[in-house]
Amino acid sequence: MRKVVRSFADLQDPFLAYIQDIVYATMTTVDKRNRPRARVLLPIWEVRDGVPIGWIAAYRTPVKVAHLARNPHTTISYWNPKQNAVFADCRAEWVQEDQEVRREIWELYRKGSPPGVGYDPANFWRHGPEDPKFGLIKLEPWRIQVLRGFDLSSVFWEAPDADDEQVDAPVPAAPAVEHDV
């Protein structure tokens, strides 16, 4: 069964419950040849003005920086052995200059958002939210799917401006590459 909801409030409880249960997520980006690259991270989430916003504390590795600079669209996916899953298709951006936001999200990680999801970032970035190695990615979902495993029912939510993202626009073909054999 597939259900679409207009208001995130109609999806918020199962979304947050699955995230609290699963905790870790896979973030998938694409490289300059449109090949996927996945890594396991621990996003936190909050709801502002009825809309979900995700945050990822991460090192600014050359791969993540290059991928998000070229294509800021990413999928954050959660899965557990009960076959429950969450897929959040997002626009991602690095937040480096806004120290107030960095401090706020640092504290959200420390306390957990939702509760039970987070950690003490000082274990990785000893100089606090001002640490130059502390990278922060903001996630603005344009589509979220929550999949219940026991009956494979899905509930979808799309942001009101999701069409502005041209989410189904064709992706240019990757250039041909010669390989040594």
N, C-alpha and C. Protein backbone atom coordinates (compact mmCIF):
# COMPACT_ATOMS: atom_id res chain seq x y z
N MET A 1 0.84 -1.18 0.00
CA MET A 1 0.00 0.00 0.00
C MET A 1 0.89 1.24 0.00
N ARG A 2 0.54 2.21 -0.83
CA ARG A 2 1.28 3.46 -0.94
C ARG A 2 0.34 4.59 -0.58
N LYS A 3 0.78 5.42 0.36
CA LYS A 3 -0.03 6.55 0.81
C LYS A 3 0.83 7.80 0.72
N VAL A 4 0.23 8.90 0.28
CA VAL A 4 0.92 10.18 0.20
C VAL A 4 0.24 11.14 1.17
N VAL A 5 1.03 11.82 1.99
CA VAL A 5 0.48 12.80 2.92
C VAL A 5 0.98 14.18 2.53
N ARG A 6 0.15 15.18 2.77
CA ARG A 6 0.52 16.56 2.44
C ARG A 6 1.29 17.23 3.56
N SER A 7 0.94 16.89 4.78
CA SER A 7 1.56 17.52 5.94
C SER A 7 2.58 16.56 6.56
N PHE A 8 3.77 17.07 6.84
CA PHE A 8 4.77 16.22 7.48
C PHE A 8 4.28 15.73 8.84
N ALA A 9 3.41 16.48 9.49
CA ALA A 9 2.87 16.06 10.79
C ALA A 9 2.23 14.67 10.71
N ASP A 10 1.69 14.31 9.53
CA ASP A 10 1.06 13.01 9.35
C ASP A 10 2.08 11.87 9.25
N LEU A 11 3.34 12.20 9.08
CA LEU A 11 4.41 11.21 8.94
C LEU A 11 5.44 11.31 10.07
N GLN A 12 5.37 12.38 10.83
CA GLN A 12 6.40 12.71 11.81
C GLN A 12 6.63 11.60 12.84
N ASP A 13 5.58 11.06 13.42
CA ASP A 13 5.75 10.06 14.49
C ASP A 13 6.47 8.80 14.00
N PRO A 14 6.01 8.16 12.91
CA PRO A 14 6.76 6.98 12.46
C PRO A 14 8.16 7.32 11.96
N PHE A 15 8.33 8.47 11.32
CA PHE A 15 9.65 8.91 10.86
C PHE A 15 10.62 8.97 12.04
N LEU A 16 10.25 9.68 13.09
CA LEU A 16 11.13 9.83 14.25
C LEU A 16 11.30 8.50 15.00
N ALA A 17 10.24 7.69 15.08
CA ALA A 17 10.34 6.40 15.77
C ALA A 17 11.33 5.48 15.06
N TYR A 18 11.27 5.41 13.73
CA TYR A 18 12.20 4.55 13.00
C TYR A 18 13.63 5.06 13.14
N ILE A 19 13.82 6.37 13.09
CA ILE A 19 15.16 6.93 13.24
C ILE A 19 15.71 6.64 14.63
N GLN A 20 14.87 6.75 15.64
CA GLN A 20 15.31 6.42 17.01
C GLN A 20 15.68 4.94 17.12
N ASP A 21 14.97 4.09 16.43
CA ASP A 21 15.25 2.66 16.48
C ASP A 21 16.51 2.30 15.68
N ILE A 22 16.70 2.91 14.52
CA ILE A 22 17.78 2.51 13.61
C ILE A 22 19.06 3.30 13.87
N VAL A 23 18.98 4.58 14.10
CA VAL A 23 20.05 5.51 14.47
C VAL A 23 21.00 5.82 13.31
N TYR A 24 21.76 4.85 12.82
CA TYR A 24 22.74 5.12 11.77
C TYR A 24 22.08 5.08 10.39
N ALA A 25 22.61 5.89 9.49
CA ALA A 25 22.04 5.98 8.14
C ALA A 25 23.15 5.94 7.10
N THR A 26 22.76 5.61 5.90
CA THR A 26 23.67 5.66 4.76
C THR A 26 23.38 6.94 3.99
N MET A 27 24.43 7.71 3.74
CA MET A 27 24.32 8.92 2.92
C MET A 27 24.92 8.58 1.55
N THR A 28 24.13 8.77 0.51
CA THR A 28 24.59 8.48 -0.85
C THR A 28 24.69 9.78 -1.64
N THR A 29 25.85 9.96 -2.26
CA THR A 29 26.08 11.10 -3.15
C THR A 29 26.51 10.52 -4.50
N VAL A 30 26.76 11.39 -5.48
CA VAL A 30 27.25 10.93 -6.77
C VAL A 30 28.52 11.69 -7.14
N ASP A 31 29.40 11.00 -7.85
CA ASP A 31 30.66 11.63 -8.26
C ASP A 31 30.48 12.32 -9.61
N LYS A 32 31.57 12.83 -10.16
CA LYS A 32 31.48 13.60 -11.41
C LYS A 32 31.08 12.75 -12.60
N ARG A 33 31.14 11.43 -12.46
CA ARG A 33 30.69 10.53 -13.52
C ARG A 33 29.31 9.94 -13.21
N ASN A 34 28.63 10.54 -12.23
CA ASN A 34 27.28 10.12 -11.83
C ASN A 34 27.24 8.72 -11.23
N ARG A 35 28.35 8.29 -10.62
CA ARG A 35 28.40 7.01 -9.93
C ARG A 35 28.10 7.23 -8.45
N PRO A 36 27.29 6.35 -7.85
CA PRO A 36 26.95 6.55 -6.43
C PRO A 36 28.11 6.24 -5.51
N ARG A 37 28.11 6.92 -4.38
CA ARG A 37 29.09 6.67 -3.31
C ARG A 37 28.32 6.74 -2.00
N ALA A 38 28.44 5.72 -1.18
CA ALA A 38 27.70 5.66 0.08
C ALA A 38 28.67 5.62 1.26
N ARG A 39 28.21 6.20 2.37
CA ARG A 39 28.96 6.13 3.62
C ARG A 39 27.95 6.13 4.76
N VAL A 40 28.33 5.50 5.88
CA VAL A 40 27.45 5.42 7.04
C VAL A 40 27.76 6.58 7.97
N LEU A 41 26.72 7.32 8.33
CA LEU A 41 26.85 8.48 9.21
C LEU A 41 25.70 8.47 10.22
N LEU A 42 25.73 9.43 11.13
CA LEU A 42 24.68 9.52 12.14
C LEU A 42 24.03 10.90 12.08
N PRO A 43 23.00 11.05 11.24
CA PRO A 43 22.29 12.33 11.17
C PRO A 43 21.40 12.52 12.40
N ILE A 44 21.15 13.76 12.73
CA ILE A 44 20.12 14.09 13.71
C ILE A 44 19.05 14.89 12.97
N TRP A 45 17.85 14.94 13.54
CA TRP A 45 16.72 15.59 12.88
C TRP A 45 15.96 16.45 13.87
N GLU A 46 15.40 17.50 13.35
CA GLU A 46 14.49 18.34 14.11
C GLU A 46 13.37 18.77 13.17
N VAL A 47 12.29 19.24 13.74
CA VAL A 47 11.17 19.74 12.94
C VAL A 47 11.04 21.22 13.25
N ARG A 48 11.17 22.04 12.20
CA ARG A 48 11.04 23.49 12.32
C ARG A 48 9.88 23.95 11.45
N ASP A 49 8.94 24.63 12.06
CA ASP A 49 7.77 25.13 11.33
C ASP A 49 7.08 24.02 10.54
N GLY A 50 7.01 22.84 11.13
CA GLY A 50 6.31 21.73 10.51
C GLY A 50 7.08 21.01 9.42
N VAL A 51 8.36 21.34 9.25
CA VAL A 51 9.17 20.75 8.19
C VAL A 51 10.41 20.09 8.80
N PRO A 52 10.76 18.88 8.35
CA PRO A 52 11.95 18.23 8.90
C PRO A 52 13.24 18.86 8.36
N ILE A 53 14.22 18.99 9.24
CA ILE A 53 15.55 19.46 8.87
C ILE A 53 16.54 18.47 9.48
N GLY A 54 17.45 17.98 8.68
CA GLY A 54 18.47 17.06 9.16
C GLY A 54 19.82 17.73 9.25
N TRP A 55 20.68 17.16 10.08
CA TRP A 55 22.03 17.68 10.28
C TRP A 55 23.00 16.51 10.37
N ILE A 56 24.15 16.67 9.74
CA ILE A 56 25.20 15.66 9.84
C ILE A 56 26.48 16.35 10.27
N ALA A 57 27.03 15.92 11.39
CA ALA A 57 28.37 16.35 11.81
C ALA A 57 29.34 15.39 11.12
N ALA A 58 30.28 15.95 10.36
CA ALA A 58 31.18 15.10 9.57
C ALA A 58 32.46 15.85 9.24
N TYR A 59 33.50 15.10 9.02
CA TYR A 59 34.73 15.71 8.51
C TYR A 59 34.48 16.14 7.07
N ARG A 60 35.08 17.26 6.69
CA ARG A 60 34.96 17.78 5.32
C ARG A 60 35.98 17.06 4.43
N THR A 61 35.69 15.81 4.14
CA THR A 61 36.61 15.05 3.30
C THR A 61 36.54 15.55 1.86
N PRO A 62 37.64 15.40 1.11
CA PRO A 62 37.62 15.86 -0.28
C PRO A 62 36.50 15.23 -1.11
N VAL A 63 36.18 13.97 -0.84
CA VAL A 63 35.13 13.29 -1.61
C VAL A 63 33.77 13.92 -1.33
N LYS A 64 33.40 14.06 -0.05
CA LYS A 64 32.09 14.66 0.27
C LYS A 64 32.01 16.10 -0.24
N VAL A 65 33.08 16.86 -0.06
CA VAL A 65 33.08 18.26 -0.51
C VAL A 65 32.87 18.33 -2.02
N ALA A 66 33.61 17.53 -2.77
CA ALA A 66 33.49 17.56 -4.24
C ALA A 66 32.12 17.09 -4.70
N HIS A 67 31.63 16.01 -4.12
CA HIS A 67 30.33 15.49 -4.54
C HIS A 67 29.21 16.49 -4.29
N LEU A 68 29.17 17.07 -3.09
CA LEU A 68 28.09 18.00 -2.76
C LEU A 68 28.23 19.32 -3.51
N ALA A 69 29.45 19.71 -3.86
CA ALA A 69 29.64 20.94 -4.65
C ALA A 69 29.09 20.74 -6.06
N ARG A 70 29.29 19.56 -6.61
CA ARG A 70 28.83 19.29 -7.97
C ARG A 70 27.33 19.02 -8.02
N ASN A 71 26.84 18.25 -7.03
CA ASN A 71 25.42 17.90 -7.00
C ASN A 71 24.99 17.82 -5.54
N PRO A 72 24.24 18.81 -5.06
CA PRO A 72 23.88 18.85 -3.64
C PRO A 72 22.77 17.88 -3.24
N HIS A 73 22.29 17.06 -4.16
CA HIS A 73 21.21 16.13 -3.83
C HIS A 73 21.79 14.83 -3.28
N THR A 74 21.18 14.35 -2.23
CA THR A 74 21.64 13.14 -1.56
C THR A 74 20.44 12.36 -1.05
N THR A 75 20.64 11.09 -0.83
CA THR A 75 19.63 10.28 -0.17
C THR A 75 20.21 9.78 1.14
N ILE A 76 19.42 9.94 2.19
CA ILE A 76 19.76 9.43 3.51
C ILE A 76 18.83 8.24 3.73
N SER A 77 19.40 7.05 3.94
CA SER A 77 18.54 5.87 4.08
C SER A 77 18.86 5.12 5.38
N TYR A 78 17.78 4.68 6.00
CA TYR A 78 17.84 3.90 7.23
C TYR A 78 17.18 2.55 6.96
N TRP A 79 17.69 1.49 7.58
CA TRP A 79 17.11 0.16 7.41
C TRP A 79 17.39 -0.65 8.66
N ASN A 80 16.44 -1.50 9.05
CA ASN A 80 16.71 -2.44 10.13
C ASN A 80 16.26 -3.84 9.71
N PRO A 81 16.67 -4.88 10.44
CA PRO A 81 16.33 -6.25 10.04
C PRO A 81 14.83 -6.56 10.03
N LYS A 82 14.00 -5.74 10.64
CA LYS A 82 12.55 -5.92 10.56
C LYS A 82 12.02 -5.43 9.21
N GLN A 83 12.93 -4.94 8.37
CA GLN A 83 12.61 -4.39 7.05
C GLN A 83 11.93 -3.03 7.12
N ASN A 84 11.96 -2.40 8.28
CA ASN A 84 11.50 -1.02 8.38
C ASN A 84 12.58 -0.13 7.78
N ALA A 85 12.17 0.89 7.06
CA ALA A 85 13.14 1.74 6.40
C ALA A 85 12.61 3.17 6.29
N VAL A 86 13.55 4.09 6.19
CA VAL A 86 13.26 5.50 5.93
C VAL A 86 14.20 5.94 4.82
N PHE A 87 13.66 6.66 3.85
CA PHE A 87 14.46 7.24 2.77
C PHE A 87 14.15 8.73 2.72
N ALA A 88 15.17 9.54 2.89
CA ALA A 88 14.99 11.00 2.84
C ALA A 88 15.82 11.53 1.68
N ASP A 89 15.15 11.99 0.64
CA ASP A 89 15.82 12.62 -0.50
C ASP A 89 15.96 14.09 -0.16
N CYS A 90 17.20 14.57 -0.14
CA CYS A 90 17.48 15.89 0.41
C CYS A 90 18.38 16.73 -0.49
N ARG A 91 18.32 18.00 -0.23
CA ARG A 91 19.31 18.94 -0.73
C ARG A 91 20.25 19.18 0.46
N ALA A 92 21.54 19.03 0.22
CA ALA A 92 22.53 19.14 1.30
C ALA A 92 23.44 20.34 1.06
N GLU A 93 23.80 21.00 2.15
CA GLU A 93 24.76 22.10 2.04
C GLU A 93 25.62 22.15 3.29
N TRP A 94 26.87 22.53 3.10
CA TRP A 94 27.79 22.71 4.22
C TRP A 94 27.46 24.01 4.94
N VAL A 95 27.49 23.97 6.27
CA VAL A 95 27.28 25.16 7.09
C VAL A 95 28.60 25.42 7.80
N GLN A 96 29.36 26.38 7.32
CA GLN A 96 30.67 26.65 7.91
C GLN A 96 30.74 28.01 8.60
N GLU A 97 30.07 28.99 8.07
CA GLU A 97 30.25 30.36 8.55
C GLU A 97 29.35 30.74 9.71
N ASP A 98 28.21 30.13 9.83
CA ASP A 98 27.23 30.53 10.85
C ASP A 98 27.54 29.84 12.18
N GLN A 99 28.33 30.52 13.01
CA GLN A 99 28.78 29.93 14.28
C GLN A 99 27.63 29.68 15.24
N GLU A 100 26.61 30.50 15.20
CA GLU A 100 25.45 30.29 16.08
C GLU A 100 24.77 28.97 15.76
N VAL A 101 24.55 28.69 14.47
CA VAL A 101 23.93 27.43 14.06
C VAL A 101 24.84 26.27 14.43
N ARG A 102 26.14 26.41 14.22
CA ARG A 102 27.07 25.34 14.55
C ARG A 102 27.02 25.00 16.04
N ARG A 103 26.95 26.02 16.89
CA ARG A 103 26.85 25.78 18.34
C ARG A 103 25.52 25.11 18.69
N GLU A 104 24.45 25.58 18.07
CA GLU A 104 23.12 25.02 18.32
C GLU A 104 23.06 23.54 17.95
N ILE A 105 23.59 23.19 16.78
CA ILE A 105 23.54 21.80 16.33
C ILE A 105 24.50 20.94 17.15
N TRP A 106 25.63 21.50 17.56
CA TRP A 106 26.55 20.80 18.46
C TRP A 106 25.79 20.34 19.71
N GLU A 107 25.01 21.24 20.27
CA GLU A 107 24.24 20.92 21.48
C GLU A 107 23.13 19.90 21.19
N LEU A 108 22.51 20.00 20.00
CA LEU A 108 21.50 19.01 19.63
C LEU A 108 22.12 17.61 19.56
N TYR A 109 23.34 17.52 19.00
CA TYR A 109 24.03 16.23 18.96
C TYR A 109 24.27 15.71 20.37
N ARG A 110 24.68 16.61 21.28
CA ARG A 110 24.98 16.20 22.66
C ARG A 110 23.73 15.68 23.37
N LYS A 111 22.60 16.33 23.17
CA LYS A 111 21.39 15.91 23.89
C LYS A 111 20.60 14.84 23.14
N GLY A 112 20.79 14.74 21.82
CA GLY A 112 20.07 13.77 21.00
C GLY A 112 18.83 14.37 20.38
N SER A 113 18.68 14.20 19.08
CA SER A 113 17.53 14.75 18.38
C SER A 113 17.22 13.88 17.16
N PRO A 114 16.19 13.04 17.24
CA PRO A 114 15.31 12.85 18.37
C PRO A 114 16.05 12.20 19.54
N PRO A 115 15.44 12.18 20.72
CA PRO A 115 16.12 11.61 21.89
C PRO A 115 16.68 10.22 21.60
N GLY A 116 17.93 10.01 22.01
CA GLY A 116 18.60 8.73 21.79
C GLY A 116 19.41 8.69 20.52
N VAL A 117 19.29 9.71 19.68
CA VAL A 117 20.05 9.77 18.43
C VAL A 117 21.01 10.94 18.53
N GLY A 118 22.28 10.64 18.64
CA GLY A 118 23.30 11.67 18.76
C GLY A 118 24.50 11.12 19.50
N TYR A 119 25.44 12.01 19.83
CA TYR A 119 26.65 11.63 20.55
C TYR A 119 27.34 12.92 20.97
N ASP A 120 28.40 12.80 21.73
CA ASP A 120 29.17 13.98 22.13
C ASP A 120 30.19 14.28 21.04
N PRO A 121 29.99 15.34 20.25
CA PRO A 121 30.91 15.64 19.17
C PRO A 121 32.33 15.96 19.65
N ALA A 122 32.49 16.30 20.93
CA ALA A 122 33.83 16.59 21.46
C ALA A 122 34.74 15.37 21.38
N ASN A 123 34.16 14.18 21.26
CA ASN A 123 34.98 12.98 21.09
C ASN A 123 35.73 12.98 19.75
N PHE A 124 35.25 13.78 18.79
CA PHE A 124 35.87 13.85 17.47
C PHE A 124 36.51 15.21 17.21
N TRP A 125 35.87 16.26 17.69
CA TRP A 125 36.33 17.63 17.45
C TRP A 125 36.58 18.29 18.80
N ARG A 126 37.81 18.19 19.27
CA ARG A 126 38.17 18.58 20.65
C ARG A 126 38.07 20.08 20.91
N HIS A 127 38.05 20.88 19.87
CA HIS A 127 38.00 22.33 20.06
C HIS A 127 36.58 22.88 19.97
N GLY A 128 35.60 22.02 20.08
CA GLY A 128 34.22 22.45 20.11
C GLY A 128 33.68 22.81 18.73
N PRO A 129 32.54 23.49 18.70
CA PRO A 129 31.90 23.80 17.41
C PRO A 129 32.73 24.75 16.55
N GLU A 130 33.72 25.40 17.13
CA GLU A 130 34.60 26.27 16.35
C GLU A 130 35.77 25.51 15.74
N ASP A 131 35.91 24.23 16.07
CA ASP A 131 37.01 23.42 15.54
C ASP A 131 36.96 23.47 14.01
N PRO A 132 38.06 23.83 13.36
CA PRO A 132 38.04 23.94 11.89
C PRO A 132 37.78 22.60 11.19
N LYS A 133 37.98 21.50 11.88
CA LYS A 133 37.73 20.19 11.27
C LYS A 133 36.28 19.73 11.45
N PHE A 134 35.51 20.48 12.25
CA PHE A 134 34.10 20.14 12.48
C PHE A 134 33.29 20.61 11.28
N GLY A 135 32.87 19.65 10.46
CA GLY A 135 32.03 19.96 9.32
C GLY A 135 30.57 19.72 9.68
N LEU A 136 29.71 20.55 9.14
CA LEU A 136 28.28 20.43 9.42
C LEU A 136 27.52 20.52 8.11
N ILE A 137 26.71 19.50 7.86
CA ILE A 137 25.89 19.44 6.65
C ILE A 137 24.43 19.60 7.04
N LYS A 138 23.76 20.55 6.41
CA LYS A 138 22.32 20.73 6.60
C LYS A 138 21.59 19.94 5.53
N LEU A 139 20.57 19.21 5.94
CA LEU A 139 19.76 18.40 5.03
C LEU A 139 18.35 18.97 4.97
N GLU A 140 17.92 19.34 3.77
CA GLU A 140 16.56 19.84 3.57
C GLU A 140 15.83 18.84 2.67
N PRO A 141 15.02 17.96 3.28
CA PRO A 141 14.34 16.94 2.49
C PRO A 141 13.28 17.53 1.56
N TRP A 142 13.20 16.98 0.36
CA TRP A 142 12.12 17.33 -0.54
C TRP A 142 11.16 16.15 -0.68
N ARG A 143 11.63 14.95 -0.28
CA ARG A 143 10.74 13.78 -0.26
C ARG A 143 11.22 12.83 0.83
N ILE A 144 10.27 12.29 1.58
CA ILE A 144 10.57 11.29 2.60
C ILE A 144 9.61 10.12 2.41
N GLN A 145 10.16 8.92 2.49
CA GLN A 145 9.36 7.69 2.46
C GLN A 145 9.63 6.92 3.74
N VAL A 146 8.58 6.49 4.41
CA VAL A 146 8.68 5.60 5.56
C VAL A 146 8.04 4.28 5.14
N LEU A 147 8.82 3.21 5.22
CA LEU A 147 8.37 1.89 4.79
C LEU A 147 8.26 0.98 6.00
N ARG A 148 7.07 0.43 6.20
CA ARG A 148 6.85 -0.51 7.30
C ARG A 148 7.09 -1.92 6.77
N GLY A 149 7.99 -2.64 7.42
CA GLY A 149 8.45 -3.91 6.90
C GLY A 149 7.45 -5.04 6.89
N PHE A 150 6.62 -5.17 7.92
CA PHE A 150 5.79 -6.37 8.00
C PHE A 150 4.72 -6.45 6.93
N ASP A 151 4.30 -5.33 6.36
CA ASP A 151 3.32 -5.38 5.28
C ASP A 151 3.76 -4.57 4.05
N LEU A 152 4.98 -4.05 4.09
CA LEU A 152 5.56 -3.27 2.99
C LEU A 152 4.72 -2.05 2.60
N SER A 153 4.01 -1.49 3.56
CA SER A 153 3.25 -0.28 3.27
C SER A 153 4.18 0.93 3.37
N SER A 154 3.98 1.88 2.48
CA SER A 154 4.81 3.08 2.44
C SER A 154 3.96 4.32 2.60
N VAL A 155 4.53 5.28 3.30
CA VAL A 155 3.92 6.61 3.39
C VAL A 155 4.96 7.59 2.87
N PHE A 156 4.52 8.46 1.94
CA PHE A 156 5.39 9.45 1.33
C PHE A 156 4.96 10.85 1.72
N TRP A 157 5.93 11.72 1.89
CA TRP A 157 5.70 13.15 2.08
C TRP A 157 6.62 13.88 1.12
N GLU A 158 6.11 14.92 0.48
CA GLU A 158 6.93 15.79 -0.35
C GLU A 158 6.80 17.21 0.13
N ALA A 159 7.92 17.92 0.14
CA ALA A 159 7.91 19.32 0.51
C ALA A 159 7.06 20.09 -0.49
N PRO A 160 6.40 21.16 -0.05
CA PRO A 160 5.56 21.93 -0.97
C PRO A 160 6.30 22.42 -2.21
N ASP A 161 7.59 22.71 -2.07
CA ASP A 161 8.37 23.22 -3.21
C ASP A 161 9.20 22.13 -3.88
N ALA A 162 8.82 20.86 -3.70
CA ALA A 162 9.61 19.75 -4.26
C ALA A 162 9.74 19.84 -5.77
N ASP A 163 8.71 20.34 -6.45
CA ASP A 163 8.79 20.45 -7.90
C ASP A 163 9.86 21.42 -8.35
N ASP A 164 10.21 22.37 -7.50
CA ASP A 164 11.25 23.34 -7.84
C ASP A 164 12.61 22.68 -7.98
N GLU A 165 12.79 21.51 -7.39
CA GLU A 165 14.07 20.82 -7.42
C GLU A 165 14.31 20.10 -8.74
N GLN A 166 13.31 20.00 -9.60
CA GLN A 166 13.42 19.26 -10.85
C GLN A 166 13.99 17.87 -10.57
N VAL A 167 13.35 17.19 -9.64
CA VAL A 167 13.89 15.93 -9.15
C VAL A 167 13.92 14.83 -10.19
N ASP A 168 13.09 14.91 -11.20
CA ASP A 168 13.08 13.86 -12.20
C ASP A 168 13.72 14.31 -13.51
N ALA A 169 14.48 15.41 -13.44
CA ALA A 169 15.16 15.89 -14.64
C ALA A 169 16.21 14.86 -15.08
N PRO A 170 16.40 14.71 -16.40
CA PRO A 170 17.39 13.74 -16.85
C PRO A 170 18.80 14.14 -16.41
N VAL A 171 19.59 13.14 -16.08
CA VAL A 171 20.97 13.36 -15.68
C VAL A 171 21.83 13.21 -16.93
N PRO A 172 22.76 14.15 -17.17
CA PRO A 172 23.60 14.02 -18.36
C PRO A 172 24.43 12.74 -18.29
N ALA A 173 24.64 12.15 -19.45
CA ALA A 173 25.43 10.92 -19.52
C ALA A 173 26.87 11.20 -19.13
N ALA A 174 27.48 10.22 -18.50
CA ALA A 174 28.88 10.35 -18.12
C ALA A 174 29.73 10.21 -19.38
N PRO A 175 30.84 10.95 -19.45
CA PRO A 175 31.70 10.82 -20.62
C PRO A 175 32.34 9.44 -20.67
N ALA A 176 32.62 8.99 -21.89
CA ALA A 176 33.27 7.70 -22.06
C ALA A 176 34.68 7.77 -21.46
N VAL A 177 35.09 6.70 -20.83
CA VAL A 177 36.40 6.64 -20.19
C VAL A 177 37.12 5.41 -20.71
N GLU A 178 38.37 5.61 -21.11
CA GLU A 178 39.17 4.47 -21.54
C GLU A 178 39.84 3.86 -20.33
N HIS A 179 39.87 2.54 -20.29
CA HIS A 179 40.50 1.83 -19.19
C HIS A 179 41.66 1.00 -19.73
N ASP A 180 42.74 0.94 -18.97
CA ASP A 180 43.83 0.03 -19.32
C ASP A 180 43.40 -1.38 -18.98
N VAL A 181 43.71 -2.30 -19.85
CA VAL A 181 43.31 -3.68 -19.61
C VAL A 181 44.50 -4.50 -19.19
